[in-house]
Amino acid sequence: MDEQENKSQVTADEDCQKAQPQTEENANREEQPLDTETTFADMNVEGFSWYNPRKKKGKGERIKLSRKEYWAMVRGAFAAYLPMFLCIISAFAIVVLLAYIWLKP
């Protein structure tokens, strides 16, 4: 029984080595230190035991955009939201149409 477990362990190790082939890039790459200072979400929320109401929120740098860049971003946002907006409006219209047909006197 132990021999079977050892064989399965060996094959599992071999599979792991096959899944991640050792290339020159991987071999020469240095380990990057783990960044523990970057904050993705502010955890200073009222109700938590570590809540500090006097803690100042960091203001990010303001990006200077030209008028052309700003309107390009606005058009891009509308282009991103438009398909979902049209789906919601279409679904609403279909529901209204079906209700009209169903409840027609």
PDB file of N, CA and C in Angstrom:
ATOM      1  N   MET A   1       0.818  -1.181   0.000  1.00  0.00           N
ATOM      2  CA  MET A   1       0.000   0.000   0.000  1.00  0.00           C
ATOM      3  C   MET A   1       0.870   1.256   0.000  1.00  0.00           C
ATOM      4  N   ASP A   2       1.947   1.249   0.785  1.00  0.00           N
ATOM      5  CA  ASP A   2       2.832   2.400   0.838  1.00  0.00           C
ATOM      6  C   ASP A   2       3.507   2.652  -0.503  1.00  0.00           C
ATOM      7  N   GLU A   3       3.814   1.591  -1.227  1.00  0.00           N
ATOM      8  CA  GLU A   3       4.449   1.754  -2.521  1.00  0.00           C
ATOM      9  C   GLU A   3       3.530   2.481  -3.496  1.00  0.00           C
ATOM     10  N   GLN A   4       2.225   2.180  -3.443  1.00  0.00           N
ATOM     11  CA  GLN A   4       1.276   2.852  -4.322  1.00  0.00           C
ATOM     12  C   GLN A   4       1.191   4.332  -3.981  1.00  0.00           C
ATOM     13  N   GLU A   5       1.182   4.666  -2.711  1.00  0.00           N
ATOM     14  CA  GLU A   5       1.138   6.063  -2.294  1.00  0.00           C
ATOM     15  C   GLU A   5       2.389   6.796  -2.758  1.00  0.00           C
ATOM     16  N   ASN A   6       3.541   6.147  -2.626  1.00  0.00           N
ATOM     17  CA  ASN A   6       4.788   6.763  -3.071  1.00  0.00           C
ATOM     18  C   ASN A   6       4.767   6.990  -4.577  1.00  0.00           C
ATOM     19  N   LYS A   7       4.246   6.008  -5.336  1.00  0.00           N
ATOM     20  CA  LYS A   7       4.181   6.150  -6.784  1.00  0.00           C
ATOM     21  C   LYS A   7       3.250   7.293  -7.167  1.00  0.00           C
ATOM     22  N   SER A   8       2.106   7.395  -6.472  1.00  0.00           N
ATOM     23  CA  SER A   8       1.170   8.472  -6.801  1.00  0.00           C
ATOM     24  C   SER A   8       1.770   9.825  -6.437  1.00  0.00           C
ATOM     25  N   GLN A   9       2.549   9.869  -5.351  1.00  0.00           N
ATOM     26  CA  GLN A   9       3.198  11.115  -4.955  1.00  0.00           C
ATOM     27  C   GLN A   9       4.239  11.518  -5.988  1.00  0.00           C
ATOM     28  N   VAL A  10       4.994  10.542  -6.486  1.00  0.00           N
ATOM     29  CA  VAL A  10       6.016  10.821  -7.486  1.00  0.00           C
ATOM     30  C   VAL A  10       5.366  11.317  -8.768  1.00  0.00           C
ATOM     31  N   THR A  11       4.296  10.676  -9.204  1.00  0.00           N
ATOM     32  CA  THR A  11       3.648  11.107 -10.437  1.00  0.00           C
ATOM     33  C   THR A  11       3.025  12.488 -10.271  1.00  0.00           C
ATOM     34  N   ALA A  12       2.514  12.802  -9.084  1.00  0.00           N
ATOM     35  CA  ALA A  12       1.949  14.131  -8.849  1.00  0.00           C
ATOM     36  C   ALA A  12       3.044  15.187  -8.918  1.00  0.00           C
ATOM     37  N   ASP A  13       4.214  14.886  -8.342  1.00  0.00           N
ATOM     38  CA  ASP A  13       5.335  15.818  -8.412  1.00  0.00           C
ATOM     39  C   ASP A  13       5.792  16.016  -9.853  1.00  0.00           C
ATOM     40  N   GLU A  14       5.826  14.940 -10.611  1.00  0.00           N
ATOM     41  CA  GLU A  14       6.226  15.040 -12.016  1.00  0.00           C
ATOM     42  C   GLU A  14       5.227  15.877 -12.801  1.00  0.00           C
ATOM     43  N   ASP A  15       3.930  15.694 -12.499  1.00  0.00           N
ATOM     44  CA  ASP A  15       2.907  16.483 -13.186  1.00  0.00           C
ATOM     45  C   ASP A  15       3.074  17.962 -12.899  1.00  0.00           C
ATOM     46  N   CYS A  16       3.407  18.305 -11.658  1.00  0.00           N
ATOM     47  CA  CYS A  16       3.608  19.711 -11.311  1.00  0.00           C
ATOM     48  C   CYS A  16       4.795  20.291 -12.065  1.00  0.00           C
ATOM     49  N   GLN A  17       5.850  19.510 -12.193  1.00  0.00           N
ATOM     50  CA  GLN A  17       7.024  19.984 -12.918  1.00  0.00           C
ATOM     51  C   GLN A  17       6.720  20.137 -14.398  1.00  0.00           C
ATOM     52  N   LYS A  18       5.870  19.274 -14.942  1.00  0.00           N
ATOM     53  CA  LYS A  18       5.498  19.379 -16.349  1.00  0.00           C
ATOM     54  C   LYS A  18       4.616  20.601 -16.578  1.00  0.00           C
ATOM     55  N   ALA A  19       3.772  20.914 -15.603  1.00  0.00           N
ATOM     56  CA  ALA A  19       2.844  22.024 -15.762  1.00  0.00           C
ATOM     57  C   ALA A  19       3.569  23.360 -15.802  1.00  0.00           C
ATOM     58  N   GLN A  20       4.660  23.485 -15.083  1.00  0.00           N
ATOM     59  CA  GLN A  20       5.421  24.724 -15.053  1.00  0.00           C
ATOM     60  C   GLN A  20       6.840  24.456 -15.535  1.00  0.00           C
ATOM     61  N   PRO A  21       7.029  24.472 -16.839  1.00  0.00           N
ATOM     62  CA  PRO A  21       8.364  24.182 -17.361  1.00  0.00           C
ATOM     63  C   PRO A  21       9.360  25.266 -16.954  1.00  0.00           C
ATOM     64  N   GLN A  22      10.555  24.848 -16.662  1.00  0.00           N
ATOM     65  CA  GLN A  22      11.616  25.763 -16.255  1.00  0.00           C
ATOM     66  C   GLN A  22      12.228  26.355 -17.514  1.00  0.00           C
ATOM     67  N   THR A  23      12.040  27.650 -17.710  1.00  0.00           N
ATOM     68  CA  THR A  23      12.618  28.324 -18.859  1.00  0.00           C
ATOM     69  C   THR A  23      13.723  29.243 -18.375  1.00  0.00           C
ATOM     70  N   GLU A  24      14.437  29.815 -19.318  1.00  0.00           N
ATOM     71  CA  GLU A  24      15.518  30.730 -18.936  1.00  0.00           C
ATOM     72  C   GLU A  24      14.966  31.950 -18.220  1.00  0.00           C
ATOM     73  N   GLU A  25      13.815  32.450 -18.692  1.00  0.00           N
ATOM     74  CA  GLU A  25      13.220  33.624 -18.059  1.00  0.00           C
ATOM     75  C   GLU A  25      12.854  33.334 -16.610  1.00  0.00           C
ATOM     76  N   ASN A  26      12.237  32.168 -16.358  1.00  0.00           N
ATOM     77  CA  ASN A  26      11.856  31.817 -14.999  1.00  0.00           C
ATOM     78  C   ASN A  26      13.066  31.564 -14.120  1.00  0.00           C
ATOM     79  N   ALA A  27      14.103  30.984 -14.693  1.00  0.00           N
ATOM     80  CA  ALA A  27      15.284  30.659 -13.903  1.00  0.00           C
ATOM     81  C   ALA A  27      16.055  31.921 -13.526  1.00  0.00           C
ATOM     82  N   ASN A  28      16.110  32.916 -14.426  1.00  0.00           N
ATOM     83  CA  ASN A  28      16.886  34.123 -14.167  1.00  0.00           C
ATOM     84  C   ASN A  28      16.098  35.212 -13.450  1.00  0.00           C
ATOM     85  N   ARG A  29      14.791  35.050 -13.339  1.00  0.00           N
ATOM     86  CA  ARG A  29      13.955  36.087 -12.730  1.00  0.00           C
ATOM     87  C   ARG A  29      14.170  36.106 -11.213  1.00  0.00           C
ATOM     88  N   GLU A  30      14.332  37.316 -10.702  1.00  0.00           N
ATOM     89  CA  GLU A  30      14.500  37.469  -9.267  1.00  0.00           C
ATOM     90  C   GLU A  30      13.130  37.567  -8.613  1.00  0.00           C
ATOM     91  N   GLU A  31      13.040  37.097  -7.382  1.00  0.00           N
ATOM     92  CA  GLU A  31      11.798  37.200  -6.628  1.00  0.00           C
ATOM     93  C   GLU A  31      11.559  38.650  -6.255  1.00  0.00           C
ATOM     94  N   GLN A  32      10.379  39.174  -6.593  1.00  0.00           N
ATOM     95  CA  GLN A  32      10.028  40.537  -6.220  1.00  0.00           C
ATOM     96  C   GLN A  32       9.544  40.531  -4.774  1.00  0.00           C
ATOM     97  N   PRO A  33       9.964  41.520  -3.997  1.00  0.00           N
ATOM     98  CA  PRO A  33       9.477  41.564  -2.615  1.00  0.00           C
ATOM     99  C   PRO A  33       7.972  41.851  -2.607  1.00  0.00           C
ATOM    100  N   LEU A  34       7.276  41.299  -1.629  1.00  0.00           N
ATOM    101  CA  LEU A  34       5.838  41.455  -1.524  1.00  0.00           C
ATOM    102  C   LEU A  34       5.502  42.874  -1.091  1.00  0.00           C
ATOM    103  N   ASP A  35       4.646  43.536  -1.864  1.00  0.00           N
ATOM    104  CA  ASP A  35       4.246  44.905  -1.564  1.00  0.00           C
ATOM    105  C   ASP A  35       3.095  44.866  -0.564  1.00  0.00           C
ATOM    106  N   THR A  36       3.353  45.262   0.675  1.00  0.00           N
ATOM    107  CA  THR A  36       2.326  45.256   1.705  1.00  0.00           C
ATOM    108  C   THR A  36       1.845  46.662   2.037  1.00  0.00           C
ATOM    109  N   GLU A  37       2.326  47.658   1.335  1.00  0.00           N
ATOM    110  CA  GLU A  37       1.971  49.041   1.631  1.00  0.00           C
ATOM    111  C   GLU A  37       0.822  49.554   0.755  1.00  0.00           C
ATOM    112  N   THR A  38       0.585  48.940  -0.383  1.00  0.00           N
ATOM    113  CA  THR A  38      -0.436  49.419  -1.307  1.00  0.00           C
ATOM    114  C   THR A  38      -1.817  49.107  -0.758  1.00  0.00           C
ATOM    115  N   THR A  39      -2.688  50.119  -0.745  1.00  0.00           N
ATOM    116  CA  THR A  39      -4.050  49.945  -0.268  1.00  0.00           C
ATOM    117  C   THR A  39      -4.990  49.958  -1.453  1.00  0.00           C
ATOM    118  N   PHE A  40      -5.823  48.933  -1.552  1.00  0.00           N
ATOM    119  CA  PHE A  40      -6.787  48.858  -2.638  1.00  0.00           C
ATOM    120  C   PHE A  40      -8.170  49.310  -2.182  1.00  0.00           C
ATOM    121  N   ALA A  41      -8.475  49.129  -0.919  1.00  0.00           N
ATOM    122  CA  ALA A  41      -9.763  49.553  -0.382  1.00  0.00           C
ATOM    123  C   ALA A  41      -9.546  50.093   1.025  1.00  0.00           C
ATOM    124  N   ASP A  42     -10.195  51.202   1.307  1.00  0.00           N
ATOM    125  CA  ASP A  42     -10.071  51.810   2.621  1.00  0.00           C
ATOM    126  C   ASP A  42     -10.839  50.971   3.635  1.00  0.00           C
ATOM    127  N   MET A  43     -10.147  50.414   4.603  1.00  0.00           N
ATOM    128  CA  MET A  43     -10.786  49.574   5.605  1.00  0.00           C
ATOM    129  C   MET A  43     -11.133  50.349   6.870  1.00  0.00           C
ATOM    130  N   ASN A  44     -10.991  51.660   6.843  1.00  0.00           N
ATOM    131  CA  ASN A  44     -11.354  52.504   7.977  1.00  0.00           C
ATOM    132  C   ASN A  44     -12.849  52.817   7.858  1.00  0.00           C
ATOM    133  N   VAL A  45     -13.677  51.848   8.264  1.00  0.00           N
ATOM    134  CA  VAL A  45     -15.122  51.942   8.096  1.00  0.00           C
ATOM    135  C   VAL A  45     -15.774  52.000   9.464  1.00  0.00           C
ATOM    136  N   GLU A  46     -16.746  52.897   9.594  1.00  0.00           N
ATOM    137  CA  GLU A  46     -17.450  53.043  10.858  1.00  0.00           C
ATOM    138  C   GLU A  46     -18.125  51.722  11.224  1.00  0.00           C
ATOM    139  N   GLY A  47     -17.947  51.296  12.451  1.00  0.00           N
ATOM    140  CA  GLY A  47     -18.508  50.035  12.919  1.00  0.00           C
ATOM    141  C   GLY A  47     -17.447  48.983  13.177  1.00  0.00           C
ATOM    142  N   PHE A  48     -16.288  49.103  12.537  1.00  0.00           N
ATOM    143  CA  PHE A  48     -15.202  48.178  12.811  1.00  0.00           C
ATOM    144  C   PHE A  48     -14.473  48.620  14.071  1.00  0.00           C
ATOM    145  N   SER A  49     -13.863  47.667  14.749  1.00  0.00           N
ATOM    146  CA  SER A  49     -13.177  47.992  16.003  1.00  0.00           C
ATOM    147  C   SER A  49     -11.971  48.892  15.788  1.00  0.00           C
ATOM    148  N   TRP A  50     -11.389  48.888  14.614  1.00  0.00           N
ATOM    149  CA  TRP A  50     -10.198  49.701  14.346  1.00  0.00           C
ATOM    150  C   TRP A  50     -10.552  51.037  13.694  1.00  0.00           C
ATOM    151  N   TYR A  51     -11.831  51.397  13.660  1.00  0.00           N
ATOM    152  CA  TYR A  51     -12.267  52.643  13.030  1.00  0.00           C
ATOM    153  C   TYR A  51     -11.651  53.846  13.733  1.00  0.00           C
ATOM    154  N   ASN A  52     -11.057  54.743  12.961  1.00  0.00           N
ATOM    155  CA  ASN A  52     -10.459  55.964  13.487  1.00  0.00           C
ATOM    156  C   ASN A  52     -11.071  57.131  12.718  1.00  0.00           C
ATOM    157  N   PRO A  53     -11.995  57.896  13.331  1.00  0.00           N
ATOM    158  CA  PRO A  53     -12.662  58.971  12.593  1.00  0.00           C
ATOM    159  C   PRO A  53     -11.734  60.119  12.218  1.00  0.00           C
ATOM    160  N   ARG A  54     -10.589  60.236  12.883  1.00  0.00           N
ATOM    161  CA  ARG A  54      -9.668  61.336  12.595  1.00  0.00           C
ATOM    162  C   ARG A  54      -8.671  60.992  11.496  1.00  0.00           C
ATOM    163  N   LYS A  55      -8.681  59.750  11.049  1.00  0.00           N
ATOM    164  CA  LYS A  55      -7.730  59.352  10.018  1.00  0.00           C
ATOM    165  C   LYS A  55      -8.078  60.054   8.713  1.00  0.00           C
ATOM    166  N   LYS A  56      -7.074  60.670   8.110  1.00  0.00           N
ATOM    167  CA  LYS A  56      -7.287  61.411   6.876  1.00  0.00           C
ATOM    168  C   LYS A  56      -7.182  60.468   5.682  1.00  0.00           C
ATOM    169  N   LYS A  57      -8.089  60.651   4.775  1.00  0.00           N
ATOM    170  CA  LYS A  57      -8.036  59.857   3.552  1.00  0.00           C
ATOM    171  C   LYS A  57      -7.040  60.499   2.604  1.00  0.00           C
ATOM    172  N   GLY A  58      -6.218  59.665   2.006  1.00  0.00           N
ATOM    173  CA  GLY A  58      -5.232  60.176   1.068  1.00  0.00           C
ATOM    174  C   GLY A  58      -5.896  60.594  -0.226  1.00  0.00           C
ATOM    175  N   LYS A  59      -5.602  61.760  -0.663  1.00  0.00           N
ATOM    176  CA  LYS A  59      -6.132  62.235  -1.944  1.00  0.00           C
ATOM    177  C   LYS A  59      -5.130  61.867  -3.030  1.00  0.00           C
ATOM    178  N   GLY A  60      -5.621  61.227  -4.060  1.00  0.00           N
ATOM    179  CA  GLY A  60      -4.752  60.850  -5.170  1.00  0.00           C
ATOM    180  C   GLY A  60      -4.363  62.068  -5.989  1.00  0.00           C
ATOM    181  N   GLU A  61      -3.362  61.888  -6.804  1.00  0.00           N
ATOM    182  CA  GLU A  61      -2.940  62.985  -7.669  1.00  0.00           C
ATOM    183  C   GLU A  61      -4.004  63.220  -8.734  1.00  0.00           C
ATOM    184  N   ARG A  62      -4.246  64.451  -9.006  1.00  0.00           N
ATOM    185  CA  ARG A  62      -5.213  64.805 -10.033  1.00  0.00           C
ATOM    186  C   ARG A  62      -4.516  64.811 -11.385  1.00  0.00           C
ATOM    187  N   ILE A  63      -5.125  64.148 -12.333  1.00  0.00           N
ATOM    188  CA  ILE A  63      -4.542  64.046 -13.657  1.00  0.00           C
ATOM    189  C   ILE A  63      -5.048  65.212 -14.492  1.00  0.00           C
ATOM    190  N   LYS A  64      -4.129  65.888 -15.138  1.00  0.00           N
ATOM    191  CA  LYS A  64      -4.503  66.993 -16.027  1.00  0.00           C
ATOM    192  C   LYS A  64      -4.867  66.405 -17.388  1.00  0.00           C
ATOM    193  N   LEU A  65      -6.110  66.644 -17.794  1.00  0.00           N
ATOM    194  CA  LEU A  65      -6.573  66.169 -19.089  1.00  0.00           C
ATOM    195  C   LEU A  65      -6.951  67.355 -19.956  1.00  0.00           C
ATOM    196  N   SER A  66      -6.695  67.214 -21.219  1.00  0.00           N
ATOM    197  CA  SER A  66      -7.158  68.250 -22.136  1.00  0.00           C
ATOM    198  C   SER A  66      -8.653  68.028 -22.375  1.00  0.00           C
ATOM    199  N   ARG A  67      -9.291  69.022 -22.937  1.00  0.00           N
ATOM    200  CA  ARG A  67     -10.723  68.923 -23.206  1.00  0.00           C
ATOM    201  C   ARG A  67     -11.002  67.759 -24.163  1.00  0.00           C
ATOM    202  N   LYS A  68     -10.132  67.563 -25.122  1.00  0.00           N
ATOM    203  CA  LYS A  68     -10.291  66.492 -26.100  1.00  0.00           C
ATOM    204  C   LYS A  68     -10.193  65.116 -25.424  1.00  0.00           C
ATOM    205  N   GLU A  69      -9.214  64.959 -24.529  1.00  0.00           N
ATOM    206  CA  GLU A  69      -9.053  63.699 -23.807  1.00  0.00           C
ATOM    207  C   GLU A  69     -10.244  63.430 -22.896  1.00  0.00           C
ATOM    208  N   TYR A  70     -10.754  64.474 -22.242  1.00  0.00           N
ATOM    209  CA  TYR A  70     -11.895  64.327 -21.340  1.00  0.00           C
ATOM    210  C   TYR A  70     -13.112  63.813 -22.108  1.00  0.00           C
ATOM    211  N   TRP A  71     -13.422  64.438 -23.235  1.00  0.00           N
ATOM    212  CA  TRP A  71     -14.597  64.022 -23.994  1.00  0.00           C
ATOM    213  C   TRP A  71     -14.392  62.661 -24.630  1.00  0.00           C
ATOM    214  N   ALA A  72     -13.160  62.302 -24.936  1.00  0.00           N
ATOM    215  CA  ALA A  72     -12.888  60.947 -25.435  1.00  0.00           C
ATOM    216  C   ALA A  72     -13.181  59.924 -24.342  1.00  0.00           C
ATOM    217  N   MET A  73     -12.846  60.259 -23.094  1.00  0.00           N
ATOM    218  CA  MET A  73     -13.153  59.363 -21.972  1.00  0.00           C
ATOM    219  C   MET A  73     -14.661  59.264 -21.763  1.00  0.00           C
ATOM    220  N   VAL A  74     -15.372  60.363 -21.878  1.00  0.00           N
ATOM    221  CA  VAL A  74     -16.830  60.350 -21.717  1.00  0.00           C
ATOM    222  C   VAL A  74     -17.468  59.489 -22.800  1.00  0.00           C
ATOM    223  N   ARG A  75     -17.039  59.668 -24.063  1.00  0.00           N
ATOM    224  CA  ARG A  75     -17.572  58.843 -25.155  1.00  0.00           C
ATOM    225  C   ARG A  75     -17.243  57.364 -24.927  1.00  0.00           C
ATOM    226  N   GLY A  76     -16.063  57.081 -24.423  1.00  0.00           N
ATOM    227  CA  GLY A  76     -15.694  55.695 -24.138  1.00  0.00           C
ATOM    228  C   GLY A  76     -16.563  55.087 -23.049  1.00  0.00           C
ATOM    229  N   ALA A  77     -16.874  55.880 -22.015  1.00  0.00           N
ATOM    230  CA  ALA A  77     -17.739  55.389 -20.943  1.00  0.00           C
ATOM    231  C   ALA A  77     -19.134  55.106 -21.479  1.00  0.00           C
ATOM    232  N   PHE A  78     -19.669  56.020 -22.288  1.00  0.00           N
ATOM    233  CA  PHE A  78     -20.989  55.785 -22.873  1.00  0.00           C
ATOM    234  C   PHE A  78     -20.972  54.564 -23.780  1.00  0.00           C
ATOM    235  N   ALA A  79     -19.920  54.393 -24.537  1.00  0.00           N
ATOM    236  CA  ALA A  79     -19.819  53.231 -25.418  1.00  0.00           C
ATOM    237  C   ALA A  79     -19.764  51.936 -24.612  1.00  0.00           C
ATOM    238  N   ALA A  80     -19.173  51.984 -23.425  1.00  0.00           N
ATOM    239  CA  ALA A  80     -19.090  50.795 -22.584  1.00  0.00           C
ATOM    240  C   ALA A  80     -20.438  50.483 -21.939  1.00  0.00           C
ATOM    241  N   TYR A  81     -21.192  51.512 -21.545  1.00  0.00           N
ATOM    242  CA  TYR A  81     -22.465  51.307 -20.860  1.00  0.00           C
ATOM    243  C   TYR A  81     -23.632  51.113 -21.816  1.00  0.00           C
ATOM    244  N   LEU A  82     -23.514  51.568 -23.050  1.00  0.00           N
ATOM    245  CA  LEU A  82     -24.627  51.549 -23.989  1.00  0.00           C
ATOM    246  C   LEU A  82     -25.207  50.148 -24.238  1.00  0.00           C
ATOM    247  N   PRO A  83     -24.406  49.097 -24.472  1.00  0.00           N
ATOM    248  CA  PRO A  83     -25.013  47.778 -24.712  1.00  0.00           C
ATOM    249  C   PRO A  83     -25.877  47.295 -23.548  1.00  0.00           C
ATOM    250  N   MET A  84     -25.402  47.458 -22.319  1.00  0.00           N
ATOM    251  CA  MET A  84     -26.196  47.024 -21.170  1.00  0.00           C
ATOM    252  C   MET A  84     -27.446  47.877 -21.024  1.00  0.00           C
ATOM    253  N   PHE A  85     -27.321  49.170 -21.257  1.00  0.00           N
ATOM    254  CA  PHE A  85     -28.468  50.066 -21.178  1.00  0.00           C
ATOM    255  C   PHE A  85     -29.524  49.670 -22.207  1.00  0.00           C
ATOM    256  N   LEU A  86     -29.093  49.364 -23.428  1.00  0.00           N
ATOM    257  CA  LEU A  86     -30.033  48.942 -24.467  1.00  0.00           C
ATOM    258  C   LEU A  86     -30.703  47.616 -24.128  1.00  0.00           C
ATOM    259  N   CYS A  87     -29.966  46.693 -23.517  1.00  0.00           N
ATOM    260  CA  CYS A  87     -30.556  45.415 -23.091  1.00  0.00           C
ATOM    261  C   CYS A  87     -31.635  45.642 -22.036  1.00  0.00           C
ATOM    262  N   ILE A  88     -31.367  46.506 -21.075  1.00  0.00           N
ATOM    263  CA  ILE A  88     -32.335  46.777 -20.018  1.00  0.00           C
ATOM    264  C   ILE A  88     -33.573  47.454 -20.589  1.00  0.00           C
ATOM    265  N   ILE A  89     -33.389  48.441 -21.456  1.00  0.00           N
ATOM    266  CA  ILE A  89     -34.524  49.127 -22.083  1.00  0.00           C
ATOM    267  C   ILE A  89     -35.320  48.148 -22.940  1.00  0.00           C
ATOM    268  N   SER A  90     -34.639  47.273 -23.682  1.00  0.00           N
ATOM    269  CA  SER A  90     -35.330  46.279 -24.514  1.00  0.00           C
ATOM    270  C   SER A  90     -36.132  45.312 -23.655  1.00  0.00           C
ATOM    271  N   ALA A  91     -35.556  44.843 -22.563  1.00  0.00           N
ATOM    272  CA  ALA A  91     -36.270  43.933 -21.666  1.00  0.00           C
ATOM    273  C   ALA A  91     -37.503  44.614 -21.085  1.00  0.00           C
ATOM    274  N   PHE A  92     -37.381  45.860 -20.683  1.00  0.00           N
ATOM    275  CA  PHE A  92     -38.509  46.603 -20.153  1.00  0.00           C
ATOM    276  C   PHE A  92     -39.602  46.748 -21.212  1.00  0.00           C
ATOM    277  N   ALA A  93     -39.229  47.057 -22.449  1.00  0.00           N
ATOM    278  CA  ALA A  93     -40.200  47.203 -23.533  1.00  0.00           C
ATOM    279  C   ALA A  93     -40.910  45.878 -23.810  1.00  0.00           C
ATOM    280  N   ILE A  94     -40.178  44.782 -23.771  1.00  0.00           N
ATOM    281  CA  ILE A  94     -40.786  43.467 -23.991  1.00  0.00           C
ATOM    282  C   ILE A  94     -41.787  43.152 -22.889  1.00  0.00           C
ATOM    283  N   VAL A  95     -41.450  43.438 -21.645  1.00  0.00           N
ATOM    284  CA  VAL A  95     -42.365  43.197 -20.526  1.00  0.00           C
ATOM    285  C   VAL A  95     -43.622  44.046 -20.675  1.00  0.00           C
ATOM    286  N   VAL A  96     -43.455  45.311 -21.026  1.00  0.00           N
ATOM    287  CA  VAL A  96     -44.614  46.186 -21.219  1.00  0.00           C
ATOM    288  C   VAL A  96     -45.472  45.666 -22.371  1.00  0.00           C
ATOM    289  N   LEU A  97     -44.870  45.266 -23.470  1.00  0.00           N
ATOM    290  CA  LEU A  97     -45.607  44.736 -24.612  1.00  0.00           C
ATOM    291  C   LEU A  97     -46.370  43.468 -24.234  1.00  0.00           C
ATOM    292  N   LEU A  98     -45.710  42.550 -23.528  1.00  0.00           N
ATOM    293  CA  LEU A  98     -46.386  41.320 -23.105  1.00  0.00           C
ATOM    294  C   LEU A  98     -47.526  41.613 -22.133  1.00  0.00           C
ATOM    295  N   ALA A  99     -47.328  42.555 -21.230  1.00  0.00           N
ATOM    296  CA  ALA A  99     -48.392  42.921 -20.301  1.00  0.00           C
ATOM    297  C   ALA A  99     -49.563  43.534 -21.055  1.00  0.00           C
ATOM    298  N   TYR A 100     -49.287  44.346 -22.058  1.00  0.00           N
ATOM    299  CA  TYR A 100     -50.345  44.963 -22.865  1.00  0.00           C
ATOM    300  C   TYR A 100     -51.144  43.891 -23.608  1.00  0.00           C
ATOM    301  N   ILE A 101     -50.427  42.923 -24.208  1.00  0.00           N
ATOM    302  CA  ILE A 101     -51.114  41.859 -24.955  1.00  0.00           C
ATOM    303  C   ILE A 101     -51.918  40.992 -24.002  1.00  0.00           C
ATOM    304  N   TRP A 102     -51.365  40.682 -22.850  1.00  0.00           N
ATOM    305  CA  TRP A 102     -52.022  39.777 -21.912  1.00  0.00           C
ATOM    306  C   TRP A 102     -53.242  40.438 -21.265  1.00  0.00           C
ATOM    307  N   LEU A 103     -53.126  41.712 -20.942  1.00  0.00           N
ATOM    308  CA  LEU A 103     -54.191  42.391 -20.218  1.00  0.00           C
ATOM    309  C   LEU A 103     -55.117  43.186 -21.130  1.00  0.00           C
ATOM    310  N   LYS A 104     -54.977  43.028 -22.426  1.00  0.00           N
ATOM    311  CA  LYS A 104     -55.801  43.768 -23.384  1.00  0.00           C
ATOM    312  C   LYS A 104     -57.268  43.383 -23.194  1.00  0.00           C
ATOM    313  N   PRO A 105     -58.165  44.389 -23.141  1.00  0.00           N
ATOM    314  CA  PRO A 105     -59.605  44.071 -22.926  1.00  0.00           C
ATOM    315  C   PRO A 105     -60.275  43.435 -24.113  1.00  0.00           C
TER     316      PRO A 105
END
